[in-house]
Amino acid sequence: MIACQPQQNSGGPNAKIPLHTSYKQIESLPPLLTLDELLNTDDFQMGIKQSVVNDDRASLRDWQQQLLAVAKEVRLSERDLARISGEQGLVFIEFEAKKQLFHDEFIERFMNFDSIDDLIQKYPYLSGVHQRALSLINARDIAIQRAAKSLSEAGLQGDDYTQEARAQWKAYMINSGKLEELKN
């Protein structure tokens, strides 16, 4: 409240109060948030994903305008503002939404040991994301093979060591917080 009140100056009623922070100083301050932080807010993510799923270009453009308004308020760099502005910015935002949609579907399939072949076909232009997903699947499968071998060597009762290894892996992912890390 005090900051919003006029300051008293002993130099008389017409004396100018020096400003301690100029516009140029404010402009030169680092951004309050990064572009990644803005792109990854829950409401923005939900909104752009829904726009893409519904093939609603007008809604996607509305989300772009909201993003630009916030980006200016948090003082994003001109480079970041250019990245999300105009038609090219709209393409960038749509790409981010599709990348997140792939990720959401991937996590579910990854945890349920389902194939992602049709998911790769659905999003063919995300080749870098595909490679990371396939790498995660490969690492998961190797860990499960090792665990199944250990269970077999330990003389675990039952015949399906791979099924037990999968169940243990899934419980570990959920209980250790690794699943939440993957989601983010």
Protein backbone atom coordinates (compact mmCIF):
# COMPACT_ATOMS: atom_id res chain seq x y z
CA MET A 1 0.00 0.00 0.00
CA ILE A 2 2.74 2.44 0.89
CA ALA A 3 4.37 1.97 -2.50
CA CYS A 4 1.20 3.17 -4.22
CA GLN A 5 0.94 6.36 -2.17
CA PRO A 6 2.53 9.62 -3.28
CA GLN A 7 5.80 10.29 -1.54
CA GLN A 8 6.31 13.43 0.49
CA ASN A 9 9.22 15.54 -0.61
CA SER A 10 10.69 18.30 1.51
CA GLY A 11 11.64 20.27 -1.57
CA GLY A 12 8.19 21.81 -1.90
CA PRO A 13 5.08 20.86 -3.82
CA ASN A 14 6.65 21.32 -7.27
CA ALA A 15 9.88 19.44 -6.59
CA LYS A 16 10.39 16.34 -8.73
CA ILE A 17 10.89 13.01 -7.05
CA PRO A 18 13.76 11.08 -8.63
CA LEU A 19 12.73 7.66 -9.85
CA HIS A 20 14.97 4.96 -8.46
CA THR A 21 14.11 2.50 -11.22
CA SER A 22 13.94 3.67 -14.80
CA TYR A 23 12.09 1.91 -17.60
CA LYS A 24 15.42 0.90 -19.16
CA GLN A 25 16.49 -0.71 -15.88
CA ILE A 26 13.24 -2.69 -15.71
CA GLU A 27 13.60 -3.68 -19.36
CA SER A 28 17.12 -4.98 -18.75
CA LEU A 29 16.08 -7.23 -15.84
CA PRO A 30 16.02 -10.95 -16.59
CA PRO A 31 12.64 -12.52 -17.39
CA LEU A 32 10.54 -13.57 -14.42
CA LEU A 33 9.80 -16.92 -16.11
CA THR A 34 11.29 -18.82 -19.01
CA LEU A 35 9.48 -19.77 -22.18
CA ASP A 36 9.62 -23.43 -21.13
CA GLU A 37 7.97 -22.59 -17.82
CA LEU A 38 5.19 -20.74 -19.63
CA LEU A 39 4.71 -23.53 -22.16
CA ASN A 40 4.51 -26.14 -19.41
CA THR A 41 1.88 -24.56 -17.19
CA ASP A 42 -0.98 -26.98 -16.65
CA ASP A 43 -3.77 -24.79 -17.98
CA PHE A 44 -1.83 -23.81 -21.09
CA GLN A 45 -0.91 -27.44 -21.79
CA MET A 46 -4.48 -28.62 -21.34
CA GLY A 47 -5.80 -25.81 -23.52
CA ILE A 48 -3.46 -26.26 -26.46
CA LYS A 49 -3.80 -30.05 -26.38
CA GLN A 50 -7.59 -29.76 -26.41
CA SER A 51 -7.38 -27.28 -29.30
CA VAL A 52 -5.25 -29.71 -31.31
CA VAL A 53 -7.44 -32.73 -30.49
CA ASN A 54 -10.53 -30.75 -31.58
CA ASP A 55 -8.67 -29.36 -34.62
CA ASP A 56 -9.75 -25.90 -33.42
CA ARG A 57 -7.37 -23.38 -34.96
CA ALA A 58 -9.27 -20.38 -33.50
CA SER A 59 -8.91 -21.77 -29.98
CA LEU A 60 -5.21 -22.44 -30.57
CA ARG A 61 -4.82 -18.83 -31.75
CA ASP A 62 -6.56 -17.63 -28.55
CA TRP A 63 -4.08 -19.63 -26.46
CA GLN A 64 -1.26 -18.08 -28.50
CA GLN A 65 -2.56 -14.58 -27.71
CA GLN A 66 -2.81 -15.40 -24.01
CA LEU A 67 0.71 -16.81 -24.06
CA LEU A 68 2.04 -13.69 -25.79
CA ALA A 69 0.35 -11.41 -23.25
CA VAL A 70 1.87 -13.29 -20.32
CA ALA A 71 5.23 -13.54 -22.09
CA LYS A 72 5.38 -9.76 -22.43
CA GLU A 73 4.43 -9.26 -18.79
CA VAL A 74 7.20 -11.57 -17.59
CA ARG A 75 9.67 -9.85 -19.92
CA LEU A 76 10.60 -12.73 -22.20
CA SER A 77 13.37 -11.97 -24.65
CA GLU A 78 12.61 -10.67 -28.12
CA ARG A 79 13.89 -13.99 -29.47
CA ASP A 80 11.37 -15.97 -27.38
CA LEU A 81 8.56 -13.57 -28.26
CA ALA A 82 9.38 -14.02 -31.95
CA ARG A 83 9.33 -17.81 -31.51
CA ILE A 84 5.70 -17.74 -30.32
CA SER A 85 4.40 -14.88 -32.50
CA GLY A 86 2.60 -14.95 -35.81
CA GLU A 87 1.87 -17.95 -37.99
CA GLN A 88 5.25 -19.52 -37.29
CA GLY A 89 4.56 -19.16 -33.56
CA LEU A 90 1.22 -20.86 -34.01
CA VAL A 91 2.96 -23.77 -35.77
CA PHE A 92 5.47 -23.92 -32.89
CA ILE A 93 2.68 -24.00 -30.27
CA GLU A 94 0.78 -26.67 -32.21
CA PHE A 95 3.97 -28.73 -32.43
CA GLU A 96 4.43 -28.40 -28.66
CA ALA A 97 0.85 -29.61 -28.12
CA LYS A 98 1.35 -32.60 -30.41
CA LYS A 99 4.61 -33.45 -28.68
CA GLN A 100 2.81 -33.40 -25.33
CA LEU A 101 -0.08 -35.49 -26.69
CA PHE A 102 2.45 -38.07 -27.88
CA HIS A 103 4.13 -37.99 -24.48
CA ASP A 104 0.85 -38.50 -22.60
CA GLU A 105 -0.10 -41.49 -24.73
CA PHE A 106 3.42 -42.87 -24.57
CA ILE A 107 3.53 -42.86 -20.75
CA GLU A 108 0.32 -44.88 -20.57
CA ARG A 109 1.57 -47.43 -23.11
CA PHE A 110 5.03 -47.52 -21.55
CA MET A 111 3.62 -48.40 -18.14
CA ASN A 112 1.25 -51.01 -19.61
CA PHE A 113 3.89 -52.61 -21.87
CA ASP A 114 1.86 -51.78 -24.99
CA SER A 115 3.34 -51.16 -28.43
CA ILE A 116 3.88 -47.60 -29.59
CA ASP A 117 4.07 -48.42 -33.30
CA ASP A 118 0.71 -46.82 -34.10
CA LEU A 119 1.60 -43.83 -31.92
CA ILE A 120 4.74 -43.29 -34.01
CA GLN A 121 2.58 -43.47 -37.14
CA LYS A 122 0.14 -40.95 -35.65
CA TYR A 123 2.96 -38.42 -35.02
CA PRO A 124 5.53 -39.18 -37.75
CA TYR A 125 7.27 -35.78 -37.55
CA LEU A 126 8.40 -36.26 -33.93
CA SER A 127 11.41 -38.40 -34.81
CA GLY A 128 13.58 -37.12 -31.96
CA VAL A 129 10.81 -37.85 -29.48
CA HIS A 130 10.36 -41.31 -31.03
CA GLN A 131 14.03 -42.09 -30.49
CA ARG A 132 13.85 -41.11 -26.82
CA ALA A 133 10.68 -43.18 -26.34
CA LEU A 134 12.24 -46.22 -27.99
CA SER A 135 15.35 -45.78 -25.86
CA LEU A 136 13.23 -45.73 -22.69
CA ILE A 137 11.39 -48.87 -23.80
CA ASN A 138 14.69 -50.61 -24.53
CA ALA A 139 16.10 -49.67 -21.10
CA ARG A 140 12.88 -50.84 -19.41
CA ASP A 141 12.93 -54.18 -21.24
CA ILE A 142 16.59 -54.80 -20.40
CA ALA A 143 15.91 -54.08 -16.71
CA ILE A 144 12.95 -56.46 -16.75
CA GLN A 145 15.00 -59.21 -18.45
CA ARG A 146 17.69 -58.87 -15.78
CA ALA A 147 15.10 -58.92 -13.00
CA ALA A 148 13.38 -62.00 -14.50
CA LYS A 149 16.73 -63.78 -14.70
CA SER A 150 17.47 -62.89 -11.06
CA LEU A 151 14.04 -64.13 -9.97
CA SER A 152 14.61 -67.38 -11.84
CA GLU A 153 18.05 -67.87 -10.32
CA ALA A 154 16.67 -67.10 -6.85
CA GLY A 155 14.22 -69.98 -7.24
CA LEU A 156 11.05 -67.90 -7.06
CA GLN A 157 7.93 -70.06 -7.06
CA GLY A 158 5.93 -69.93 -10.27
CA ASP A 159 6.68 -70.07 -13.93
CA ASP A 160 6.28 -66.54 -15.20
CA TYR A 161 9.37 -64.68 -14.02
CA THR A 162 8.92 -61.99 -16.66
CA GLN A 163 5.40 -61.23 -15.44
CA GLU A 164 6.65 -60.92 -11.86
CA ALA A 165 9.57 -58.73 -12.98
CA ARG A 166 7.14 -56.47 -14.84
CA ALA A 167 4.92 -56.19 -11.77
CA GLN A 168 7.91 -55.29 -9.60
CA TRP A 169 9.19 -52.78 -12.14
CA LYS A 170 5.78 -51.12 -12.38
CA ALA A 171 5.47 -50.92 -8.58
CA TYR A 172 8.97 -49.43 -8.38
CA MET A 173 8.15 -46.80 -11.02
CA ILE A 174 5.00 -45.74 -9.18
CA ASN A 175 6.35 -45.89 -5.61
CA SER A 176 9.74 -44.31 -6.28
CA GLY A 177 8.36 -41.23 -8.02
CA LYS A 178 10.06 -42.18 -11.29
CA LEU A 179 6.68 -42.24 -13.03
CA GLU A 180 6.05 -38.62 -12.01
CA GLU A 181 9.49 -37.68 -13.34
CA LEU A 182 8.60 -39.29 -16.66
CA LYS A 183 5.31 -37.43 -16.81
CA ASN A 184 7.12 -34.13 -16.45
